[in-house]
Amino acid sequence: MARRVRLTPRYLTDARRCGVLGGTPESRDVKQVIDALAGAGADSFDTDMYAYVPGENDAVRVLAHGRRVRQRNLWLWYWAKDDELTLVALTNLPPVAR
């Protein structure tokens, strides 16, 4: 069963800022990643990184899974449950090694 996809306000703001608008090649590539995550088994998330979302001097740091959008300098940050996929952020910054 596919997970229900929820979009956070930050994700929507980030998508606009990164130029991921409906009908663009970037939006189609991001959608491929979202579709794969929504239909994936729980064990497939183990290969994704788990890190703090790179932010713009956020007061609160957010910990989430991250997956790179193929052939793009875009990172999709998410939380996954059995029945729900929450898109936390979309950045053009890779995770920072600490």
PDB file of N, CA and C in Angstrom:
ATOM      1  N   MET A   1       0.844  -1.178   0.000  1.00  0.00           N
ATOM      2  CA  MET A   1       0.000   0.000   0.000  1.00  0.00           C
ATOM      3  C   MET A   1       0.898   1.253   0.000  1.00  0.00           C
ATOM      4  N   ALA A   2       0.560   2.188  -0.825  1.00  0.00           N
ATOM      5  CA  ALA A   2       1.331   3.432  -0.916  1.00  0.00           C
ATOM      6  C   ALA A   2       1.037   4.335   0.278  1.00  0.00           C
ATOM      7  N   ARG A   3       2.051   5.059   0.681  1.00  0.00           N
ATOM      8  CA  ARG A   3       1.888   6.016   1.779  1.00  0.00           C
ATOM      9  C   ARG A   3       1.190   7.279   1.288  1.00  0.00           C
ATOM     10  N   ARG A   4       0.427   7.879   2.157  1.00  0.00           N
ATOM     11  CA  ARG A   4      -0.162   9.190   1.886  1.00  0.00           C
ATOM     12  C   ARG A   4       0.960  10.213   1.987  1.00  0.00           C
ATOM     13  N   VAL A   5       1.036  11.146   1.062  1.00  0.00           N
ATOM     14  CA  VAL A   5       2.105  12.139   1.028  1.00  0.00           C
ATOM     15  C   VAL A   5       1.595  13.455   1.606  1.00  0.00           C
ATOM     16  N   ARG A   6       2.336  13.981   2.583  1.00  0.00           N
ATOM     17  CA  ARG A   6       2.018  15.279   3.196  1.00  0.00           C
ATOM     18  C   ARG A   6       3.142  16.250   2.881  1.00  0.00           C
ATOM     19  N   LEU A   7       2.790  17.477   2.577  1.00  0.00           N
ATOM     20  CA  LEU A   7       3.765  18.529   2.278  1.00  0.00           C
ATOM     21  C   LEU A   7       3.773  19.534   3.416  1.00  0.00           C
ATOM     22  N   THR A   8       4.945  19.855   3.917  1.00  0.00           N
ATOM     23  CA  THR A   8       5.040  20.877   4.954  1.00  0.00           C
ATOM     24  C   THR A   8       5.163  22.251   4.301  1.00  0.00           C
ATOM     25  N   PRO A   9       4.828  23.301   5.019  1.00  0.00           N
ATOM     26  CA  PRO A   9       5.006  24.652   4.470  1.00  0.00           C
ATOM     27  C   PRO A   9       6.458  24.915   4.054  1.00  0.00           C
ATOM     28  N   ARG A  10       7.406  24.410   4.845  1.00  0.00           N
ATOM     29  CA  ARG A  10       8.818  24.606   4.479  1.00  0.00           C
ATOM     30  C   ARG A  10       9.131  23.945   3.145  1.00  0.00           C
ATOM     31  N   TYR A  11       8.626  22.726   2.930  1.00  0.00           N
ATOM     32  CA  TYR A  11       8.880  22.047   1.663  1.00  0.00           C
ATOM     33  C   TYR A  11       8.348  22.891   0.496  1.00  0.00           C
ATOM     34  N   LEU A  12       7.149  23.403   0.627  1.00  0.00           N
ATOM     35  CA  LEU A  12       6.549  24.194  -0.456  1.00  0.00           C
ATOM     36  C   LEU A  12       7.355  25.460  -0.730  1.00  0.00           C
ATOM     37  N   THR A  13       7.798  26.127   0.326  1.00  0.00           N
ATOM     38  CA  THR A  13       8.626  27.323   0.168  1.00  0.00           C
ATOM     39  C   THR A  13       9.956  26.973  -0.486  1.00  0.00           C
ATOM     40  N   ASP A  14      10.572  25.892  -0.017  1.00  0.00           N
ATOM     41  CA  ASP A  14      11.856  25.455  -0.576  1.00  0.00           C
ATOM     42  C   ASP A  14      11.731  25.103  -2.051  1.00  0.00           C
ATOM     43  N   ALA A  15      10.646  24.425  -2.417  1.00  0.00           N
ATOM     44  CA  ALA A  15      10.459  24.018  -3.812  1.00  0.00           C
ATOM     45  C   ALA A  15      10.409  25.242  -4.727  1.00  0.00           C
ATOM     46  N   ARG A  16       9.671  26.245  -4.317  1.00  0.00           N
ATOM     47  CA  ARG A  16       9.618  27.481  -5.120  1.00  0.00           C
ATOM     48  C   ARG A  16      10.988  28.141  -5.199  1.00  0.00           C
ATOM     49  N   ARG A  17      11.672  28.207  -4.063  1.00  0.00           N
ATOM     50  CA  ARG A  17      12.993  28.832  -4.014  1.00  0.00           C
ATOM     51  C   ARG A  17      14.004  28.088  -4.896  1.00  0.00           C
ATOM     52  N   CYS A  18      13.881  26.768  -4.982  1.00  0.00           N
ATOM     53  CA  CYS A  18      14.804  25.952  -5.783  1.00  0.00           C
ATOM     54  C   CYS A  18      14.373  25.859  -7.247  1.00  0.00           C
ATOM     55  N   GLY A  19      13.274  26.508  -7.609  1.00  0.00           N
ATOM     56  CA  GLY A  19      12.820  26.499  -8.992  1.00  0.00           C
ATOM     57  C   GLY A  19      12.083  25.245  -9.408  1.00  0.00           C
ATOM     58  N   VAL A  20      11.576  24.503  -8.431  1.00  0.00           N
ATOM     59  CA  VAL A  20      10.830  23.276  -8.724  1.00  0.00           C
ATOM     60  C   VAL A  20       9.355  23.649  -8.817  1.00  0.00           C
ATOM     61  N   LEU A  21       8.946  24.023 -10.016  1.00  0.00           N
ATOM     62  CA  LEU A  21       7.580  24.454 -10.279  1.00  0.00           C
ATOM     63  C   LEU A  21       6.886  23.418 -11.150  1.00  0.00           C
ATOM     64  N   GLY A  22       5.568  23.322 -11.055  1.00  0.00           N
ATOM     65  CA  GLY A  22       4.805  22.338 -11.802  1.00  0.00           C
ATOM     66  C   GLY A  22       5.133  22.332 -13.288  1.00  0.00           C
ATOM     67  N   GLY A  23       5.340  21.136 -13.826  1.00  0.00           N
ATOM     68  CA  GLY A  23       5.576  20.980 -15.253  1.00  0.00           C
ATOM     69  C   GLY A  23       7.020  21.140 -15.696  1.00  0.00           C
ATOM     70  N   THR A  24       7.914  21.491 -14.773  1.00  0.00           N
ATOM     71  CA  THR A  24       9.323  21.642 -15.138  1.00  0.00           C
ATOM     72  C   THR A  24      10.022  20.289 -15.060  1.00  0.00           C
ATOM     73  N   PRO A  25      11.141  20.144 -15.771  1.00  0.00           N
ATOM     74  CA  PRO A  25      11.908  18.895 -15.654  1.00  0.00           C
ATOM     75  C   PRO A  25      12.319  18.607 -14.206  1.00  0.00           C
ATOM     76  N   GLU A  26      12.635  19.652 -13.458  1.00  0.00           N
ATOM     77  CA  GLU A  26      13.002  19.467 -12.050  1.00  0.00           C
ATOM     78  C   GLU A  26      11.839  18.876 -11.252  1.00  0.00           C
ATOM     79  N   SER A  27      10.634  19.378 -11.496  1.00  0.00           N
ATOM     80  CA  SER A  27       9.478  18.863 -10.753  1.00  0.00           C
ATOM     81  C   SER A  27       9.205  17.405 -11.092  1.00  0.00           C
ATOM     82  N   ARG A  28       9.415  17.016 -12.337  1.00  0.00           N
ATOM     83  CA  ARG A  28       9.221  15.608 -12.719  1.00  0.00           C
ATOM     84  C   ARG A  28      10.253  14.717 -12.039  1.00  0.00           C
ATOM     85  N   ASP A  29      11.499  15.187 -11.933  1.00  0.00           N
ATOM     86  CA  ASP A  29      12.530  14.396 -11.271  1.00  0.00           C
ATOM     87  C   ASP A  29      12.258  14.273  -9.771  1.00  0.00           C
ATOM     88  N   VAL A  30      11.799  15.343  -9.147  1.00  0.00           N
ATOM     89  CA  VAL A  30      11.446  15.288  -7.726  1.00  0.00           C
ATOM     90  C   VAL A  30      10.264  14.347  -7.524  1.00  0.00           C
ATOM     91  N   LYS A  31       9.287  14.397  -8.415  1.00  0.00           N
ATOM     92  CA  LYS A  31       8.119  13.519  -8.303  1.00  0.00           C
ATOM     93  C   LYS A  31       8.513  12.041  -8.396  1.00  0.00           C
ATOM     94  N   GLN A  32       9.501  11.724  -9.222  1.00  0.00           N
ATOM     95  CA  GLN A  32       9.970  10.339  -9.310  1.00  0.00           C
ATOM     96  C   GLN A  32      10.476   9.857  -7.956  1.00  0.00           C
ATOM     97  N   VAL A  33      11.214  10.708  -7.263  1.00  0.00           N
ATOM     98  CA  VAL A  33      11.736  10.343  -5.946  1.00  0.00           C
ATOM     99  C   VAL A  33      10.580  10.201  -4.950  1.00  0.00           C
ATOM    100  N   ILE A  34       9.645  11.121  -4.981  1.00  0.00           N
ATOM    101  CA  ILE A  34       8.498  11.058  -4.067  1.00  0.00           C
ATOM    102  C   ILE A  34       7.696   9.787  -4.307  1.00  0.00           C
ATOM    103  N   ASP A  35       7.430   9.458  -5.563  1.00  0.00           N
ATOM    104  CA  ASP A  35       6.680   8.244  -5.881  1.00  0.00           C
ATOM    105  C   ASP A  35       7.413   6.995  -5.394  1.00  0.00           C
ATOM    106  N   ALA A  36       8.737   6.970  -5.572  1.00  0.00           N
ATOM    107  CA  ALA A  36       9.521   5.824  -5.114  1.00  0.00           C
ATOM    108  C   ALA A  36       9.452   5.685  -3.600  1.00  0.00           C
ATOM    109  N   LEU A  37       9.547   6.803  -2.883  1.00  0.00           N
ATOM    110  CA  LEU A  37       9.476   6.769  -1.422  1.00  0.00           C
ATOM    111  C   LEU A  37       8.087   6.378  -0.931  1.00  0.00           C
ATOM    112  N   ALA A  38       7.062   6.886  -1.589  1.00  0.00           N
ATOM    113  CA  ALA A  38       5.686   6.603  -1.160  1.00  0.00           C
ATOM    114  C   ALA A  38       5.346   5.129  -1.296  1.00  0.00           C
ATOM    115  N   GLY A  39       5.936   4.454  -2.268  1.00  0.00           N
ATOM    116  CA  GLY A  39       5.622   3.047  -2.486  1.00  0.00           C
ATOM    117  C   GLY A  39       6.671   2.079  -1.983  1.00  0.00           C
ATOM    118  N   ALA A  40       7.703   2.586  -1.329  1.00  0.00           N
ATOM    119  CA  ALA A  40       8.828   1.749  -0.913  1.00  0.00           C
ATOM    120  C   ALA A  40       8.538   0.981   0.366  1.00  0.00           C
ATOM    121  N   GLY A  41       9.222  -0.142   0.514  1.00  0.00           N
ATOM    122  CA  GLY A  41       9.177  -0.895   1.754  1.00  0.00           C
ATOM    123  C   GLY A  41      10.012  -0.197   2.813  1.00  0.00           C
ATOM    124  N   ALA A  42       9.744  -0.486   4.064  1.00  0.00           N
ATOM    125  CA  ALA A  42      10.427   0.194   5.174  1.00  0.00           C
ATOM    126  C   ALA A  42      11.928   0.005   5.132  1.00  0.00           C
ATOM    127  N   ASP A  43      12.413  -1.137   4.643  1.00  0.00           N
ATOM    128  CA  ASP A  43      13.850  -1.380   4.630  1.00  0.00           C
ATOM    129  C   ASP A  43      14.595  -0.543   3.592  1.00  0.00           C
ATOM    130  N   SER A  44      13.895   0.010   2.609  1.00  0.00           N
ATOM    131  CA  SER A  44      14.569   0.810   1.583  1.00  0.00           C
ATOM    132  C   SER A  44      15.016   2.173   2.114  1.00  0.00           C
ATOM    133  N   PHE A  45      14.485   2.609   3.244  1.00  0.00           N
ATOM    134  CA  PHE A  45      14.881   3.890   3.821  1.00  0.00           C
ATOM    135  C   PHE A  45      16.241   3.798   4.515  1.00  0.00           C
ATOM    136  N   ASP A  46      16.678   2.578   4.800  1.00  0.00           N
ATOM    137  CA  ASP A  46      17.951   2.387   5.495  1.00  0.00           C
ATOM    138  C   ASP A  46      19.139   2.879   4.682  1.00  0.00           C
ATOM    139  N   THR A  47      19.008   2.920   3.360  1.00  0.00           N
ATOM    140  CA  THR A  47      20.121   3.364   2.522  1.00  0.00           C
ATOM    141  C   THR A  47      20.199   4.887   2.423  1.00  0.00           C
ATOM    142  N   ASP A  48      19.150   5.588   2.818  1.00  0.00           N
ATOM    143  CA  ASP A  48      19.158   7.054   2.800  1.00  0.00           C
ATOM    144  C   ASP A  48      19.866   7.578   4.039  1.00  0.00           C
ATOM    145  N   MET A  49      20.484   8.749   3.890  1.00  0.00           N
ATOM    146  CA  MET A  49      21.171   9.342   5.030  1.00  0.00           C
ATOM    147  C   MET A  49      20.144   9.839   6.049  1.00  0.00           C
ATOM    148  N   TYR A  50      20.575   9.956   7.260  1.00  0.00           N
ATOM    149  CA  TYR A  50      19.761  10.501   8.337  1.00  0.00           C
ATOM    150  C   TYR A  50      20.588  11.614   8.944  1.00  0.00           C
ATOM    151  N   ALA A  51      20.180  12.836   8.743  1.00  0.00           N
ATOM    152  CA  ALA A  51      21.004  13.972   9.151  1.00  0.00           C
ATOM    153  C   ALA A  51      20.120  15.170   9.442  1.00  0.00           C
ATOM    154  N   TYR A  52      20.756  16.206   9.974  1.00  0.00           N
ATOM    155  CA  TYR A  52      20.043  17.467  10.150  1.00  0.00           C
ATOM    156  C   TYR A  52      19.871  18.118   8.785  1.00  0.00           C
ATOM    157  N   VAL A  53      18.698  18.628   8.527  1.00  0.00           N
ATOM    158  CA  VAL A  53      18.409  19.291   7.259  1.00  0.00           C
ATOM    159  C   VAL A  53      19.234  20.567   7.193  1.00  0.00           C
ATOM    160  N   PRO A  54      20.011  20.735   6.112  1.00  0.00           N
ATOM    161  CA  PRO A  54      20.751  21.996   5.984  1.00  0.00           C
ATOM    162  C   PRO A  54      19.758  23.143   5.946  1.00  0.00           C
ATOM    163  N   GLY A  55      19.991  24.145   6.759  1.00  0.00           N
ATOM    164  CA  GLY A  55      19.007  25.215   6.853  1.00  0.00           C
ATOM    165  C   GLY A  55      19.590  26.576   6.590  1.00  0.00           C
ATOM    166  N   GLU A  56      18.722  27.513   6.713  1.00  0.00           N
ATOM    167  CA  GLU A  56      19.076  28.912   6.534  1.00  0.00           C
ATOM    168  C   GLU A  56      19.068  29.568   7.900  1.00  0.00           C
ATOM    169  N   ASN A  57      19.984  29.133   8.757  1.00  0.00           N
ATOM    170  CA  ASN A  57      20.090  29.634  10.127  1.00  0.00           C
ATOM    171  C   ASN A  57      18.795  29.423  10.912  1.00  0.00           C
ATOM    172  N   ASP A  58      18.229  28.235  10.758  1.00  0.00           N
ATOM    173  CA  ASP A  58      17.002  27.902  11.493  1.00  0.00           C
ATOM    174  C   ASP A  58      17.263  27.897  12.991  1.00  0.00           C
ATOM    175  N   ALA A  59      16.305  28.365  13.736  1.00  0.00           N
ATOM    176  CA  ALA A  59      16.420  28.351  15.193  1.00  0.00           C
ATOM    177  C   ALA A  59      16.335  26.918  15.712  1.00  0.00           C
ATOM    178  N   VAL A  60      15.576  26.078  15.021  1.00  0.00           N
ATOM    179  CA  VAL A  60      15.407  24.688  15.413  1.00  0.00           C
ATOM    180  C   VAL A  60      15.951  23.807  14.292  1.00  0.00           C
ATOM    181  N   ARG A  61      16.864  22.914  14.643  1.00  0.00           N
ATOM    182  CA  ARG A  61      17.399  21.998  13.638  1.00  0.00           C
ATOM    183  C   ARG A  61      16.455  20.814  13.493  1.00  0.00           C
ATOM    184  N   VAL A  62      16.265  20.382  12.251  1.00  0.00           N
ATOM    185  CA  VAL A  62      15.330  19.310  11.944  1.00  0.00           C
ATOM    186  C   VAL A  62      16.117  18.089  11.502  1.00  0.00           C
ATOM    187  N   LEU A  63      15.844  16.947  12.128  1.00  0.00           N
ATOM    188  CA  LEU A  63      16.480  15.688  11.787  1.00  0.00           C
ATOM    189  C   LEU A  63      15.544  14.912  10.867  1.00  0.00           C
ATOM    190  N   ALA A  64      16.043  14.501   9.704  1.00  0.00           N
ATOM    191  CA  ALA A  64      15.193  13.797   8.744  1.00  0.00           C
ATOM    192  C   ALA A  64      16.050  12.912   7.842  1.00  0.00           C
ATOM    193  N   HIS A  65      15.382  11.999   7.150  1.00  0.00           N
ATOM    194  CA  HIS A  65      16.050  11.236   6.103  1.00  0.00           C
ATOM    195  C   HIS A  65      16.226  12.144   4.891  1.00  0.00           C
ATOM    196  N   GLY A  66      17.279  11.924   4.142  1.00  0.00           N
ATOM    197  CA  GLY A  66      17.510  12.710   2.943  1.00  0.00           C
ATOM    198  C   GLY A  66      17.876  11.821   1.770  1.00  0.00           C
ATOM    199  N   ARG A  67      17.387  12.174   0.597  1.00  0.00           N
ATOM    200  CA  ARG A  67      17.713  11.443  -0.627  1.00  0.00           C
ATOM    201  C   ARG A  67      17.967  12.452  -1.729  1.00  0.00           C
ATOM    202  N   ARG A  68      19.038  12.228  -2.455  1.00  0.00           N
ATOM    203  CA  ARG A  68      19.392  13.113  -3.569  1.00  0.00           C
ATOM    204  C   ARG A  68      18.498  12.810  -4.765  1.00  0.00           C
ATOM    205  N   VAL A  69      18.062  13.874  -5.439  1.00  0.00           N
ATOM    206  CA  VAL A  69      17.295  13.735  -6.674  1.00  0.00           C
ATOM    207  C   VAL A  69      18.304  13.486  -7.793  1.00  0.00           C
ATOM    208  N   ARG A  70      18.138  12.378  -8.488  1.00  0.00           N
ATOM    209  CA  ARG A  70      19.093  11.991  -9.532  1.00  0.00           C
ATOM    210  C   ARG A  70      19.316  13.105 -10.540  1.00  0.00           C
ATOM    211  N   GLN A  71      20.584  13.297 -10.878  1.00  0.00           N
ATOM    212  CA  GLN A  71      21.025  14.250 -11.888  1.00  0.00           C
ATOM    213  C   GLN A  71      20.659  15.704 -11.565  1.00  0.00           C
ATOM    214  N   ARG A  72      20.366  15.961 -10.332  1.00  0.00           N
ATOM    215  CA  ARG A  72      20.033  17.326  -9.887  1.00  0.00           C
ATOM    216  C   ARG A  72      20.813  17.634  -8.616  1.00  0.00           C
ATOM    217  N   ASN A  73      21.073  18.884  -8.400  1.00  0.00           N
ATOM    218  CA  ASN A  73      21.668  19.304  -7.144  1.00  0.00           C
ATOM    219  C   ASN A  73      20.529  19.647  -6.178  1.00  0.00           C
ATOM    220  N   LEU A  74      19.678  18.646  -5.938  1.00  0.00           N
ATOM    221  CA  LEU A  74      18.530  18.805  -5.047  1.00  0.00           C
ATOM    222  C   LEU A  74      18.502  17.635  -4.070  1.00  0.00           C
ATOM    223  N   TRP A  75      18.151  17.936  -2.836  1.00  0.00           N
ATOM    224  CA  TRP A  75      18.031  16.936  -1.781  1.00  0.00           C
ATOM    225  C   TRP A  75      16.620  16.996  -1.200  1.00  0.00           C
ATOM    226  N   LEU A  76      15.949  15.858  -1.184  1.00  0.00           N
ATOM    227  CA  LEU A  76      14.598  15.744  -0.644  1.00  0.00           C
ATOM    228  C   LEU A  76      14.707  15.197   0.775  1.00  0.00           C
ATOM    229  N   TRP A  77      14.169  15.940   1.741  1.00  0.00           N
ATOM    230  CA  TRP A  77      14.231  15.572   3.155  1.00  0.00           C
ATOM    231  C   TRP A  77      12.840  15.141   3.608  1.00  0.00           C
ATOM    232  N   TYR A  78      12.757  14.007   4.305  1.00  0.00           N
ATOM    233  CA  TYR A  78      11.438  13.434   4.616  1.00  0.00           C
ATOM    234  C   TYR A  78      11.447  12.658   5.921  1.00  0.00           C
ATOM    235  N   TRP A  79      10.223  12.433   6.419  1.00  0.00           N
ATOM    236  CA  TRP A  79       9.955  11.504   7.514  1.00  0.00           C
ATOM    237  C   TRP A  79       9.012  10.457   6.949  1.00  0.00           C
ATOM    238  N   ALA A  80       9.254   9.198   7.270  1.00  0.00           N
ATOM    239  CA  ALA A  80       8.399   8.125   6.752  1.00  0.00           C
ATOM    240  C   ALA A  80       7.826   7.297   7.893  1.00  0.00           C
ATOM    241  N   LYS A  81       6.541   7.038   7.780  1.00  0.00           N
ATOM    242  CA  LYS A  81       5.841   6.117   8.676  1.00  0.00           C
ATOM    243  C   LYS A  81       5.250   5.026   7.790  1.00  0.00           C
ATOM    244  N   ASP A  82       4.621   4.038   8.405  1.00  0.00           N
ATOM    245  CA  ASP A  82       4.033   2.951   7.623  1.00  0.00           C
ATOM    246  C   ASP A  82       3.003   3.448   6.618  1.00  0.00           C
ATOM    247  N   ASP A  83       2.220   4.460   7.007  1.00  0.00           N
ATOM    248  CA  ASP A  83       1.115   4.899   6.158  1.00  0.00           C
ATOM    249  C   ASP A  83       1.259   6.337   5.656  1.00  0.00           C
ATOM    250  N   GLU A  84       2.381   7.008   5.977  1.00  0.00           N
ATOM    251  CA  GLU A  84       2.499   8.421   5.642  1.00  0.00           C
ATOM    252  C   GLU A  84       3.946   8.794   5.314  1.00  0.00           C
ATOM    253  N   LEU A  85       4.100   9.642   4.311  1.00  0.00           N
ATOM    254  CA  LEU A  85       5.387  10.209   3.932  1.00  0.00           C
ATOM    255  C   LEU A  85       5.257  11.724   4.053  1.00  0.00           C
ATOM    256  N   THR A  86       6.030  12.325   4.938  1.00  0.00           N
ATOM    257  CA  THR A  86       5.989  13.772   5.133  1.00  0.00           C
ATOM    258  C   THR A  86       7.223  14.384   4.499  1.00  0.00           C
ATOM    259  N   LEU A  87       7.010  15.282   3.536  1.00  0.00           N
ATOM    260  CA  LEU A  87       8.114  15.974   2.884  1.00  0.00           C
ATOM    261  C   LEU A  87       8.455  17.191   3.729  1.00  0.00           C
ATOM    262  N   VAL A  88       9.616  17.156   4.344  1.00  0.00           N
ATOM    263  CA  VAL A  88      10.032  18.164   5.310  1.00  0.00           C
ATOM    264  C   VAL A  88      10.651  19.368   4.621  1.00  0.00           C
ATOM    265  N   ALA A  89      11.547  19.112   3.643  1.00  0.00           N
ATOM    266  CA  ALA A  89      12.262  20.211   3.004  1.00  0.00           C
ATOM    267  C   ALA A  89      12.808  19.738   1.662  1.00  0.00           C
ATOM    268  N   LEU A  90      13.182  20.703   0.841  1.00  0.00           N
ATOM    269  CA  LEU A  90      13.867  20.448  -0.419  1.00  0.00           C
ATOM    270  C   LEU A  90      14.989  21.468  -0.476  1.00  0.00           C
ATOM    271  N   THR A  91      16.223  20.988  -0.541  1.00  0.00           N
ATOM    272  CA  THR A  91      17.352  21.915  -0.520  1.00  0.00           C
ATOM    273  C   THR A  91      18.259  21.689  -1.722  1.00  0.00           C
ATOM    274  N   ASN A  92      19.068  22.689  -1.998  1.00  0.00           N
ATOM    275  CA  ASN A  92      20.117  22.509  -2.993  1.00  0.00           C
ATOM    276  C   ASN A  92      21.463  22.417  -2.268  1.00  0.00           C
ATOM    277  N   LEU A  93      21.409  22.121  -0.977  1.00  0.00           N
ATOM    278  CA  LEU A  93      22.595  21.926  -0.146  1.00  0.00           C
ATOM    279  C   LEU A  93      22.673  20.469   0.288  1.00  0.00           C
ATOM    280  N   PRO A  94      23.809  19.829   0.056  1.00  0.00           N
ATOM    281  CA  PRO A  94      23.952  18.449   0.530  1.00  0.00           C
ATOM    282  C   PRO A  94      24.085  18.414   2.051  1.00  0.00           C
ATOM    283  N   PRO A  95      23.933  17.243   2.631  1.00  0.00           N
ATOM    284  CA  PRO A  95      24.125  17.129   4.084  1.00  0.00           C
ATOM    285  C   PRO A  95      25.562  17.505   4.441  1.00  0.00           C
ATOM    286  N   VAL A  96      25.709  18.041   5.617  1.00  0.00           N
ATOM    287  CA  VAL A  96      27.035  18.454   6.091  1.00  0.00           C
ATOM    288  C   VAL A  96      27.585  17.368   7.001  1.00  0.00           C
ATOM    289  N   ALA A  97      28.785  16.920   6.692  1.00  0.00           N
ATOM    290  CA  ALA A  97      29.438  15.934   7.567  1.00  0.00           C
ATOM    291  C   ALA A  97      29.929  16.647   8.811  1.00  0.00           C
ATOM    292  N   ARG A  98      29.662  16.063   9.963  1.00  0.00           N
ATOM    293  CA  ARG A  98      30.083  16.683  11.219  1.00  0.00           C
ATOM    294  C   ARG A  98      31.000  15.746  11.961  1.00  0.00           C
TER     295      ARG A  98
END
